[in-house]
Amino acid sequence: MHQISVSGITVDVVRKDIKNLHLGVYPPHGRVRVAAPLRIDDDAVRLFTITRLGWIKRQQAQFEAQERQSPREYVTGESHYYQGHRYLLNVEHQDGPPKVILRNNTWMDLIVRPDSDAEQRERVLLTWYRQQLRALAAPLIASWAPVLGVSVAEWGIKRMKTKWGTCNIEARRIWLNLELVKKSPQCLEYLVVHEMVHLLERHHNERFSAHMSRFLPQWQRHREELNRAPLGHEEWGY
């Protein structure tokens, strides 16, 4: 990958064995990326980008206006998200094992020990998030594997700053971004299917898009929803 400048906008250029040019604008700050066929030079990429400057700037403006969370302190009254829904955190100090309880579709009770600090409170919530995402993603992977005709040898969850998910084709291993647990069920399903479709097609090309449209006709709407969802303090993108 290398970069070119087009009308003051930095464009990441990635060359692949594909037939057509593909342009994308990605959160959180509107990074511009063009996937180009091997035979096309930078001048052609620059011209292609110039014809779409209006669309690029509109997408970047949307990301700039997107809701963002301030740094979390894990104190009562903060907003936290689960499956696309906003909850108000309620921190309770009790002896005994720490836990998280969702209450009245409004409150997220964070039960912690009396001497816990912000880092420990964060660890309790992240552990709960990880448990929930594993429980949500497991049946999705199991149900989609026979539909797609693929097998996932291994999958896991980790925090990632630049992607919502990854797929290692050779190992048939999928990683899901822990932040997905905060997004809607439709967004999670879209991302799971997206990564599993990579086992049918490595690249984001016409064949990949055709697979996505066949198996998940509303995938582009779900992708847009995922990119519109509130951004965490750390910078995530896809």
C-alpha atoms as a PDB file:
ATOM      1  CA  MET A   1       0.000   0.000   0.000  1.00  0.00           C
ATOM      2  CA  HIS A   2       1.112   3.569  -0.679  1.00  0.00           C
ATOM      3  CA  GLN A   3      -0.466   7.019  -0.518  1.00  0.00           C
ATOM      4  CA  ILE A   4      -1.231   9.755  -3.015  1.00  0.00           C
ATOM      5  CA  SER A   5      -2.718  13.211  -2.519  1.00  0.00           C
ATOM      6  CA  VAL A   6      -5.841  14.298  -4.388  1.00  0.00           C
ATOM      7  CA  SER A   7      -7.064  17.881  -3.855  1.00  0.00           C
ATOM      8  CA  GLY A   8      -5.540  17.892  -0.388  1.00  0.00           C
ATOM      9  CA  ILE A   9      -7.025  14.522   0.581  1.00  0.00           C
ATOM     10  CA  THR A  10      -4.685  11.649   1.409  1.00  0.00           C
ATOM     11  CA  VAL A  11      -5.700   8.479  -0.406  1.00  0.00           C
ATOM     12  CA  ASP A  12      -4.455   4.993   0.508  1.00  0.00           C
ATOM     13  CA  VAL A  13      -3.915   3.006  -2.687  1.00  0.00           C
ATOM     14  CA  VAL A  14      -3.924  -0.791  -2.559  1.00  0.00           C
ATOM     15  CA  ARG A  15      -3.312  -2.797  -5.716  1.00  0.00           C
ATOM     16  CA  LYS A  16      -5.037  -6.147  -6.080  1.00  0.00           C
ATOM     17  CA  ASP A  17      -5.832  -8.732  -8.700  1.00  0.00           C
ATOM     18  CA  ILE A  18      -9.265  -7.247  -9.402  1.00  0.00           C
ATOM     19  CA  LYS A  19     -11.032  -5.881 -12.486  1.00  0.00           C
ATOM     20  CA  ASN A  20     -12.380  -2.527 -11.320  1.00  0.00           C
ATOM     21  CA  LEU A  21     -11.509   0.343  -9.016  1.00  0.00           C
ATOM     22  CA  HIS A  22     -13.183   0.403  -5.604  1.00  0.00           C
ATOM     23  CA  LEU A  23     -13.307   3.475  -3.380  1.00  0.00           C
ATOM     24  CA  GLY A  24     -14.208   3.528   0.305  1.00  0.00           C
ATOM     25  CA  VAL A  25     -14.361   6.126   3.077  1.00  0.00           C
ATOM     26  CA  TYR A  26     -13.895   4.701   6.561  1.00  0.00           C
ATOM     27  CA  PRO A  27     -14.542   5.838  10.144  1.00  0.00           C
ATOM     28  CA  PRO A  28     -13.630   7.348  12.449  1.00  0.00           C
ATOM     29  CA  HIS A  29     -12.052  10.243  10.535  1.00  0.00           C
ATOM     30  CA  GLY A  30     -13.011   9.503   6.931  1.00  0.00           C
ATOM     31  CA  ARG A  31      -9.883   7.702   5.749  1.00  0.00           C
ATOM     32  CA  VAL A  32     -10.027   7.289   1.964  1.00  0.00           C
ATOM     33  CA  ARG A  33      -8.917   4.027   0.390  1.00  0.00           C
ATOM     34  CA  VAL A  34      -8.888   2.945  -3.252  1.00  0.00           C
ATOM     35  CA  ALA A  35      -8.438  -0.679  -4.264  1.00  0.00           C
ATOM     36  CA  ALA A  36      -7.043  -0.649  -7.795  1.00  0.00           C
ATOM     37  CA  PRO A  37      -6.322  -3.333 -10.408  1.00  0.00           C
ATOM     38  CA  LEU A  38      -2.655  -4.138 -10.855  1.00  0.00           C
ATOM     39  CA  ARG A  39      -2.546  -2.615 -14.342  1.00  0.00           C
ATOM     40  CA  ILE A  40      -3.856   0.844 -13.358  1.00  0.00           C
ATOM     41  CA  ASP A  41      -1.334   3.569 -12.526  1.00  0.00           C
ATOM     42  CA  ASP A  42      -1.589   6.376  -9.960  1.00  0.00           C
ATOM     43  CA  ASP A  43      -2.710   8.953 -12.517  1.00  0.00           C
ATOM     44  CA  ALA A  44      -5.767   6.851 -13.304  1.00  0.00           C
ATOM     45  CA  VAL A  45      -6.457   6.382  -9.592  1.00  0.00           C
ATOM     46  CA  ARG A  46      -6.159  10.145  -9.069  1.00  0.00           C
ATOM     47  CA  LEU A  47      -8.609  10.879 -11.900  1.00  0.00           C
ATOM     48  CA  PHE A  48     -11.030   8.264 -10.570  1.00  0.00           C
ATOM     49  CA  THR A  49     -10.873   9.854  -7.113  1.00  0.00           C
ATOM     50  CA  ILE A  50     -11.366  13.394  -8.428  1.00  0.00           C
ATOM     51  CA  THR A  51     -14.677  12.396 -10.028  1.00  0.00           C
ATOM     52  CA  ARG A  52     -15.927  11.287  -6.587  1.00  0.00           C
ATOM     53  CA  LEU A  53     -14.654  14.154  -4.430  1.00  0.00           C
ATOM     54  CA  GLY A  54     -18.166  15.375  -3.647  1.00  0.00           C
ATOM     55  CA  TRP A  55     -19.226  11.979  -2.318  1.00  0.00           C
ATOM     56  CA  ILE A  56     -15.971  11.603  -0.348  1.00  0.00           C
ATOM     57  CA  LYS A  57     -16.436  14.961   1.378  1.00  0.00           C
ATOM     58  CA  ARG A  58     -20.063  14.158   2.267  1.00  0.00           C
ATOM     59  CA  GLN A  59     -18.989  10.863   3.840  1.00  0.00           C
ATOM     60  CA  GLN A  60     -16.188  12.553   5.777  1.00  0.00           C
ATOM     61  CA  ALA A  61     -18.603  15.210   7.054  1.00  0.00           C
ATOM     62  CA  GLN A  62     -20.937  12.484   8.343  1.00  0.00           C
ATOM     63  CA  PHE A  63     -18.113  10.805  10.238  1.00  0.00           C
ATOM     64  CA  GLU A  64     -16.986  14.136  11.677  1.00  0.00           C
ATOM     65  CA  ALA A  65     -20.496  14.739  13.028  1.00  0.00           C
ATOM     66  CA  GLN A  66     -20.822  11.199  14.379  1.00  0.00           C
ATOM     67  CA  GLU A  67     -21.503  10.776  18.063  1.00  0.00           C
ATOM     68  CA  ARG A  68     -18.361   9.994  20.068  1.00  0.00           C
ATOM     69  CA  GLN A  69     -17.936   8.972  23.652  1.00  0.00           C
ATOM     70  CA  SER A  70     -15.638  10.802  26.006  1.00  0.00           C
ATOM     71  CA  PRO A  71     -13.100   8.709  27.961  1.00  0.00           C
ATOM     72  CA  ARG A  72     -14.949   6.326  30.267  1.00  0.00           C
ATOM     73  CA  GLU A  73     -14.415   6.463  34.041  1.00  0.00           C
ATOM     74  CA  TYR A  74     -16.919   3.692  34.871  1.00  0.00           C
ATOM     75  CA  VAL A  75     -18.938   5.756  37.314  1.00  0.00           C
ATOM     76  CA  THR A  76     -22.677   6.026  37.885  1.00  0.00           C
ATOM     77  CA  GLY A  77     -24.481   7.997  35.195  1.00  0.00           C
ATOM     78  CA  GLU A  78     -22.164   7.209  32.286  1.00  0.00           C
ATOM     79  CA  SER A  79     -23.595   5.921  29.018  1.00  0.00           C
ATOM     80  CA  HIS A  80     -22.562   2.436  27.948  1.00  0.00           C
ATOM     81  CA  TYR A  81     -23.852   0.364  25.040  1.00  0.00           C
ATOM     82  CA  TYR A  82     -24.933  -3.232  24.586  1.00  0.00           C
ATOM     83  CA  GLN A  83     -26.430  -4.705  21.386  1.00  0.00           C
ATOM     84  CA  GLY A  84     -27.154  -1.263  19.971  1.00  0.00           C
ATOM     85  CA  HIS A  85     -28.975  -0.044  23.074  1.00  0.00           C
ATOM     86  CA  ARG A  86     -27.809   2.750  25.372  1.00  0.00           C
ATOM     87  CA  TYR A  87     -27.699   2.021  29.110  1.00  0.00           C
ATOM     88  CA  LEU A  88     -26.917   4.232  32.084  1.00  0.00           C
ATOM     89  CA  LEU A  89     -24.252   2.767  34.310  1.00  0.00           C
ATOM     90  CA  ASN A  90     -25.094   2.241  37.973  1.00  0.00           C
ATOM     91  CA  VAL A  91     -22.055   1.321  40.068  1.00  0.00           C
ATOM     92  CA  GLU A  92     -22.781  -0.569  43.280  1.00  0.00           C
ATOM     93  CA  HIS A  93     -20.107  -1.540  45.783  1.00  0.00           C
ATOM     94  CA  GLN A  94     -20.635  -4.911  47.441  1.00  0.00           C
ATOM     95  CA  ASP A  95     -18.530  -7.704  48.852  1.00  0.00           C
ATOM     96  CA  GLY A  96     -18.558 -10.817  46.713  1.00  0.00           C
ATOM     97  CA  PRO A  97     -17.892 -11.671  43.079  1.00  0.00           C
ATOM     98  CA  PRO A  98     -18.192  -8.722  40.661  1.00  0.00           C
ATOM     99  CA  LYS A  99     -20.912  -8.911  38.015  1.00  0.00           C
ATOM    100  CA  VAL A 100     -23.003  -6.935  35.515  1.00  0.00           C
ATOM    101  CA  ILE A 101     -26.818  -6.899  35.467  1.00  0.00           C
ATOM    102  CA  LEU A 102     -29.068  -5.233  32.879  1.00  0.00           C
ATOM    103  CA  ARG A 103     -32.175  -3.746  34.486  1.00  0.00           C
ATOM    104  CA  ASN A 104     -35.419  -2.317  33.058  1.00  0.00           C
ATOM    105  CA  ASN A 105     -33.875  -1.858  29.619  1.00  0.00           C
ATOM    106  CA  THR A 106     -32.340   1.327  31.058  1.00  0.00           C
ATOM    107  CA  TRP A 107     -29.726   0.543  33.689  1.00  0.00           C
ATOM    108  CA  MET A 108     -26.513  -1.424  33.546  1.00  0.00           C
ATOM    109  CA  ASP A 109     -25.678  -2.353  37.137  1.00  0.00           C
ATOM    110  CA  LEU A 110     -21.951  -2.807  37.673  1.00  0.00           C
ATOM    111  CA  ILE A 111     -21.442  -4.690  40.949  1.00  0.00           C
ATOM    112  CA  VAL A 112     -17.858  -4.320  42.186  1.00  0.00           C
ATOM    113  CA  ARG A 113     -15.896  -4.603  45.418  1.00  0.00           C
ATOM    114  CA  PRO A 114     -15.810  -1.524  47.676  1.00  0.00           C
ATOM    115  CA  ASP A 115     -12.125  -0.805  47.033  1.00  0.00           C
ATOM    116  CA  SER A 116     -12.239  -1.113  43.220  1.00  0.00           C
ATOM    117  CA  ASP A 117     -10.700   1.625  41.065  1.00  0.00           C
ATOM    118  CA  ALA A 118     -11.608   2.684  37.519  1.00  0.00           C
ATOM    119  CA  GLU A 119      -9.238   0.167  35.934  1.00  0.00           C
ATOM    120  CA  GLN A 120     -10.755  -2.694  37.919  1.00  0.00           C
ATOM    121  CA  ARG A 121     -14.288  -1.559  37.090  1.00  0.00           C
ATOM    122  CA  GLU A 122     -13.360  -1.450  33.420  1.00  0.00           C
ATOM    123  CA  ARG A 123     -11.925  -4.962  33.622  1.00  0.00           C
ATOM    124  CA  VAL A 124     -15.158  -6.309  35.116  1.00  0.00           C
ATOM    125  CA  LEU A 125     -17.259  -4.745  32.351  1.00  0.00           C
ATOM    126  CA  LEU A 126     -14.927  -5.870  29.564  1.00  0.00           C
ATOM    127  CA  THR A 127     -14.955  -9.422  30.909  1.00  0.00           C
ATOM    128  CA  TRP A 128     -18.751  -9.364  30.862  1.00  0.00           C
ATOM    129  CA  TYR A 129     -18.767  -7.906  27.344  1.00  0.00           C
ATOM    130  CA  ARG A 130     -16.457 -10.665  26.171  1.00  0.00           C
ATOM    131  CA  GLN A 131     -18.681 -13.370  27.681  1.00  0.00           C
ATOM    132  CA  GLN A 132     -21.763 -11.875  26.048  1.00  0.00           C
ATOM    133  CA  LEU A 133     -20.150 -11.532  22.625  1.00  0.00           C
ATOM    134  CA  ARG A 134     -18.983 -15.133  22.717  1.00  0.00           C
ATOM    135  CA  ALA A 135     -22.515 -16.292  23.574  1.00  0.00           C
ATOM    136  CA  LEU A 136     -23.986 -14.150  20.773  1.00  0.00           C
ATOM    137  CA  ALA A 137     -21.453 -14.987  18.063  1.00  0.00           C
ATOM    138  CA  ALA A 138     -21.190 -18.759  18.599  1.00  0.00           C
ATOM    139  CA  PRO A 139     -24.690 -19.621  17.299  1.00  0.00           C
ATOM    140  CA  LEU A 140     -24.283 -17.202  14.382  1.00  0.00           C
ATOM    141  CA  ILE A 141     -21.101 -18.912  13.221  1.00  0.00           C
ATOM    142  CA  ALA A 142     -22.636 -22.351  13.728  1.00  0.00           C
ATOM    143  CA  SER A 143     -25.796 -21.507  11.788  1.00  0.00           C
ATOM    144  CA  TRP A 144     -24.104 -19.678   8.913  1.00  0.00           C
ATOM    145  CA  ALA A 145     -21.383 -22.280   8.256  1.00  0.00           C
ATOM    146  CA  PRO A 146     -23.700 -24.779   6.466  1.00  0.00           C
ATOM    147  CA  VAL A 147     -25.518 -21.975   4.641  1.00  0.00           C
ATOM    148  CA  LEU A 148     -22.257 -20.620   3.231  1.00  0.00           C
ATOM    149  CA  GLY A 149     -20.725 -24.061   2.803  1.00  0.00           C
ATOM    150  CA  VAL A 150     -17.612 -23.194   4.814  1.00  0.00           C
ATOM    151  CA  SER A 151     -16.051 -24.362   8.054  1.00  0.00           C
ATOM    152  CA  VAL A 152     -14.429 -22.126  10.653  1.00  0.00           C
ATOM    153  CA  ALA A 153     -11.600 -23.961  12.375  1.00  0.00           C
ATOM    154  CA  GLU A 154     -11.200 -21.394  15.135  1.00  0.00           C
ATOM    155  CA  TRP A 155     -12.576 -18.024  16.154  1.00  0.00           C
ATOM    156  CA  GLY A 156     -11.887 -15.574  18.911  1.00  0.00           C
ATOM    157  CA  ILE A 157     -12.481 -12.099  20.305  1.00  0.00           C
ATOM    158  CA  LYS A 158      -9.996  -9.301  20.807  1.00  0.00           C
ATOM    159  CA  ARG A 159      -9.807  -5.534  20.947  1.00  0.00           C
ATOM    160  CA  MET A 160      -8.766  -4.054  17.625  1.00  0.00           C
ATOM    161  CA  LYS A 161      -8.266  -0.408  16.729  1.00  0.00           C
ATOM    162  CA  THR A 162      -8.451  -0.590  12.940  1.00  0.00           C
ATOM    163  CA  LYS A 163     -10.910  -3.359  12.010  1.00  0.00           C
ATOM    164  CA  TRP A 164     -14.231  -4.796  13.106  1.00  0.00           C
ATOM    165  CA  GLY A 165     -12.996  -8.281  12.249  1.00  0.00           C
ATOM    166  CA  THR A 166     -10.349 -10.289  10.425  1.00  0.00           C
ATOM    167  CA  CYS A 167     -10.170 -13.660   8.690  1.00  0.00           C
ATOM    168  CA  ASN A 168      -7.050 -15.782   8.245  1.00  0.00           C
ATOM    169  CA  ILE A 169      -7.918 -17.738   5.101  1.00  0.00           C
ATOM    170  CA  GLU A 170      -5.242 -20.412   5.429  1.00  0.00           C
ATOM    171  CA  ALA A 171      -5.941 -21.170   9.091  1.00  0.00           C
ATOM    172  CA  ARG A 172      -9.715 -20.606   8.675  1.00  0.00           C
ATOM    173  CA  ARG A 173      -9.518 -18.462  11.802  1.00  0.00           C
ATOM    174  CA  ILE A 174     -11.784 -15.475  12.477  1.00  0.00           C
ATOM    175  CA  TRP A 175     -11.277 -12.682  14.987  1.00  0.00           C
ATOM    176  CA  LEU A 176     -14.120 -10.413  16.089  1.00  0.00           C
ATOM    177  CA  ASN A 177     -13.645  -6.963  17.573  1.00  0.00           C
ATOM    178  CA  LEU A 178     -14.907  -6.825  21.157  1.00  0.00           C
ATOM    179  CA  GLU A 179     -16.639  -3.512  20.331  1.00  0.00           C
ATOM    180  CA  LEU A 180     -19.169  -5.452  18.231  1.00  0.00           C
ATOM    181  CA  VAL A 181     -20.998  -6.452  21.409  1.00  0.00           C
ATOM    182  CA  LYS A 182     -22.078  -2.810  21.688  1.00  0.00           C
ATOM    183  CA  LYS A 183     -23.616  -2.733  18.211  1.00  0.00           C
ATOM    184  CA  SER A 184     -26.994  -4.013  17.068  1.00  0.00           C
ATOM    185  CA  PRO A 185     -27.596  -7.746  16.463  1.00  0.00           C
ATOM    186  CA  GLN A 186     -27.888  -6.995  12.731  1.00  0.00           C
ATOM    187  CA  CYS A 187     -24.454  -5.380  12.693  1.00  0.00           C
ATOM    188  CA  LEU A 188     -22.924  -8.353  14.473  1.00  0.00           C
ATOM    189  CA  GLU A 189     -24.514 -10.805  12.057  1.00  0.00           C
ATOM    190  CA  TYR A 190     -23.323  -8.748   9.082  1.00  0.00           C
ATOM    191  CA  LEU A 191     -19.757  -8.762  10.362  1.00  0.00           C
ATOM    192  CA  VAL A 192     -19.792 -12.503  11.093  1.00  0.00           C
ATOM    193  CA  VAL A 193     -21.098 -13.256   7.595  1.00  0.00           C
ATOM    194  CA  HIS A 194     -18.603 -10.805   6.084  1.00  0.00           C
ATOM    195  CA  GLU A 195     -15.634 -12.574   7.634  1.00  0.00           C
ATOM    196  CA  MET A 196     -16.983 -16.034   6.810  1.00  0.00           C
ATOM    197  CA  VAL A 197     -17.558 -15.057   3.169  1.00  0.00           C
ATOM    198  CA  HIS A 198     -13.824 -14.354   3.003  1.00  0.00           C
ATOM    199  CA  LEU A 199     -13.425 -18.137   3.171  1.00  0.00           C
ATOM    200  CA  LEU A 200     -15.133 -18.157  -0.238  1.00  0.00           C
ATOM    201  CA  GLU A 201     -13.411 -15.061  -1.633  1.00  0.00           C
ATOM    202  CA  ARG A 202     -10.279 -13.477  -0.178  1.00  0.00           C
ATOM    203  CA  HIS A 203     -10.660 -10.000  -1.706  1.00  0.00           C
ATOM    204  CA  HIS A 204     -13.316  -7.295  -1.528  1.00  0.00           C
ATOM    205  CA  ASN A 205     -14.098  -7.644  -5.221  1.00  0.00           C
ATOM    206  CA  GLU A 206     -17.184  -8.180  -7.352  1.00  0.00           C
ATOM    207  CA  ARG A 207     -17.341 -11.865  -6.440  1.00  0.00           C
ATOM    208  CA  PHE A 208     -17.234 -11.032  -2.740  1.00  0.00           C
ATOM    209  CA  SER A 209     -20.039  -8.474  -3.104  1.00  0.00           C
ATOM    210  CA  ALA A 210     -22.104 -10.976  -5.086  1.00  0.00           C
ATOM    211  CA  HIS A 211     -21.752 -13.569  -2.307  1.00  0.00           C
ATOM    212  CA  MET A 212     -22.787 -11.001   0.299  1.00  0.00           C
ATOM    213  CA  SER A 213     -25.815  -9.928  -1.725  1.00  0.00           C
ATOM    214  CA  ARG A 214     -26.858 -13.527  -2.247  1.00  0.00           C
ATOM    215  CA  PHE A 215     -26.603 -14.603   1.386  1.00  0.00           C
ATOM    216  CA  LEU A 216     -27.371 -11.326   3.181  1.00  0.00           C
ATOM    217  CA  PRO A 217     -29.288  -9.024   0.782  1.00  0.00           C
ATOM    218  CA  GLN A 218     -29.358  -6.085   3.243  1.00  0.00           C
ATOM    219  CA  TRP A 219     -25.640  -6.272   4.014  1.00  0.00           C
ATOM    220  CA  GLN A 220     -24.837  -2.779   2.752  1.00  0.00           C
ATOM    221  CA  ARG A 221     -27.508  -1.278   5.003  1.00  0.00           C
ATOM    222  CA  HIS A 222     -26.072  -3.139   7.990  1.00  0.00           C
ATOM    223  CA  ARG A 223     -22.564  -1.970   7.085  1.00  0.00           C
ATOM    224  CA  GLU A 224     -23.763   1.641   7.007  1.00  0.00           C
ATOM    225  CA  GLU A 225     -25.484   1.173  10.367  1.00  0.00           C
ATOM    226  CA  LEU A 226     -22.285  -0.209  11.845  1.00  0.00           C
ATOM    227  CA  ASN A 227     -20.317   2.779  10.615  1.00  0.00           C
ATOM    228  CA  ARG A 228     -22.945   5.228  11.923  1.00  0.00           C
ATOM    229  CA  ALA A 229     -23.072   3.736  15.420  1.00  0.00           C
ATOM    230  CA  PRO A 230     -21.565   5.785  18.282  1.00  0.00           C
ATOM    231  CA  LEU A 231     -17.809   5.543  18.341  1.00  0.00           C
ATOM    232  CA  GLY A 232     -15.964   4.576  21.477  1.00  0.00           C
ATOM    233  CA  HIS A 233     -13.213   6.780  22.868  1.00  0.00           C
ATOM    234  CA  GLU A 234     -10.660   4.581  21.148  1.00  0.00           C
ATOM    235  CA  GLU A 235     -10.690   4.840  17.381  1.00  0.00           C
ATOM    236  CA  TRP A 236     -12.317   1.897  15.630  1.00  0.00           C
ATOM    237  CA  GLY A 237     -12.927   1.455  11.934  1.00  0.00           C
ATOM    238  CA  TYR A 238     -13.707  -0.997   9.202  1.00  0.00           C
END
